[in-house]
Amino acid sequence: MAKKTSVKVRLVPEDKPDSKFFYYVKKPTAGEKAKEKLKFKKYNPATKKHEWFVEKKLPPHSK
């Protein structure tokens, strides 16, 4: 079986990490991008502005 080339991470607003709105993106598992935290400027419909979104860990799955 092949190794995964990317993992799924969650982007939350930098100013309000407890916001209801977030994005899911894929992050590479190898290379320089894998070592640093992702930071994107994306649209937040809750505030109706473009804001910085930063990477956070995914919540644990409930069983």
C-alpha atoms as a PDB file:
ATOM      1  CA  MET A   1       0.000   0.000   0.000  1.00  0.00           C
ATOM      2  CA  ALA A   2       1.303   3.455  -0.904  1.00  0.00           C
ATOM      3  CA  LYS A   3       2.029   6.193   1.616  1.00  0.00           C
ATOM      4  CA  LYS A   4      -0.297   9.184   1.789  1.00  0.00           C
ATOM      5  CA  THR A   5       1.006  12.266  -0.006  1.00  0.00           C
ATOM      6  CA  SER A   6      -1.280  14.680   1.854  1.00  0.00           C
ATOM      7  CA  VAL A   7      -3.269  15.022   5.060  1.00  0.00           C
ATOM      8  CA  LYS A   8      -6.467  16.914   5.797  1.00  0.00           C
ATOM      9  CA  VAL A   9      -6.165  19.955   8.097  1.00  0.00           C
ATOM     10  CA  ARG A  10      -8.652  22.514   9.338  1.00  0.00           C
ATOM     11  CA  LEU A  11      -8.220  26.263   8.863  1.00  0.00           C
ATOM     12  CA  VAL A  12      -9.856  28.512  11.459  1.00  0.00           C
ATOM     13  CA  PRO A  13      -9.944  32.329  11.640  1.00  0.00           C
ATOM     14  CA  GLU A  14      -6.839  33.726  13.312  1.00  0.00           C
ATOM     15  CA  ASP A  15      -8.792  36.356  15.283  1.00  0.00           C
ATOM     16  CA  LYS A  16     -11.610  34.042  16.466  1.00  0.00           C
ATOM     17  CA  PRO A  17     -10.492  30.380  16.512  1.00  0.00           C
ATOM     18  CA  ASP A  18     -13.752  29.350  18.221  1.00  0.00           C
ATOM     19  CA  SER A  19     -15.806  30.626  15.257  1.00  0.00           C
ATOM     20  CA  LYS A  20     -18.431  28.361  13.699  1.00  0.00           C
ATOM     21  CA  PHE A  21     -16.941  28.773  10.227  1.00  0.00           C
ATOM     22  CA  PHE A  22     -13.795  26.960   9.031  1.00  0.00           C
ATOM     23  CA  TYR A  23     -12.198  25.500   5.894  1.00  0.00           C
ATOM     24  CA  TYR A  24     -10.725  22.047   5.244  1.00  0.00           C
ATOM     25  CA  VAL A  25      -7.619  21.865   3.032  1.00  0.00           C
ATOM     26  CA  LYS A  26      -5.070  19.238   2.068  1.00  0.00           C
ATOM     27  CA  LYS A  27      -1.497  19.666   3.265  1.00  0.00           C
ATOM     28  CA  PRO A  28       1.480  17.700   1.872  1.00  0.00           C
ATOM     29  CA  THR A  29       3.134  15.139   4.154  1.00  0.00           C
ATOM     30  CA  ALA A  30       6.642  15.621   2.722  1.00  0.00           C
ATOM     31  CA  GLY A  31       8.723  18.613   1.718  1.00  0.00           C
ATOM     32  CA  GLU A  32       9.093  22.128   3.087  1.00  0.00           C
ATOM     33  CA  LYS A  33       5.352  22.899   3.234  1.00  0.00           C
ATOM     34  CA  ALA A  34       4.807  19.930   5.567  1.00  0.00           C
ATOM     35  CA  LYS A  35       7.012  21.467   8.276  1.00  0.00           C
ATOM     36  CA  GLU A  36       5.346  24.877   8.494  1.00  0.00           C
ATOM     37  CA  LYS A  37       1.811  25.796   9.536  1.00  0.00           C
ATOM     38  CA  LEU A  38      -0.494  26.878   6.734  1.00  0.00           C
ATOM     39  CA  LYS A  39      -1.831  30.419   6.689  1.00  0.00           C
ATOM     40  CA  PHE A  40      -4.254  31.640   4.017  1.00  0.00           C
ATOM     41  CA  LYS A  41      -6.304  34.753   3.494  1.00  0.00           C
ATOM     42  CA  LYS A  42      -9.852  33.481   2.882  1.00  0.00           C
ATOM     43  CA  TYR A  43     -13.392  34.860   2.977  1.00  0.00           C
ATOM     44  CA  ASN A  44     -15.268  34.572   6.260  1.00  0.00           C
ATOM     45  CA  PRO A  45     -19.043  34.797   5.698  1.00  0.00           C
ATOM     46  CA  ALA A  46     -19.679  35.306   9.413  1.00  0.00           C
ATOM     47  CA  THR A  47     -17.885  38.681   9.360  1.00  0.00           C
ATOM     48  CA  LYS A  48     -18.333  39.281   5.596  1.00  0.00           C
ATOM     49  CA  LYS A  49     -14.605  40.047   5.203  1.00  0.00           C
ATOM     50  CA  HIS A  50     -11.417  38.413   3.995  1.00  0.00           C
ATOM     51  CA  GLU A  51      -9.377  37.293   7.015  1.00  0.00           C
ATOM     52  CA  TRP A  52      -6.310  35.247   7.816  1.00  0.00           C
ATOM     53  CA  PHE A  53      -7.048  31.581   8.471  1.00  0.00           C
ATOM     54  CA  VAL A  54      -4.469  29.425  10.287  1.00  0.00           C
ATOM     55  CA  GLU A  55      -4.031  25.677  10.612  1.00  0.00           C
ATOM     56  CA  LYS A  56      -5.416  23.853  13.643  1.00  0.00           C
ATOM     57  CA  LYS A  57      -5.547  20.188  14.531  1.00  0.00           C
ATOM     58  CA  LEU A  58      -8.623  18.216  13.526  1.00  0.00           C
ATOM     59  CA  PRO A  59     -10.954  17.349  16.410  1.00  0.00           C
ATOM     60  CA  PRO A  60     -10.908  13.706  17.543  1.00  0.00           C
ATOM     61  CA  HIS A  61     -13.597  11.476  16.084  1.00  0.00           C
ATOM     62  CA  SER A  62     -16.452  10.515  18.344  1.00  0.00           C
ATOM     63  CA  LYS A  63     -17.338   6.849  18.546  1.00  0.00           C
END
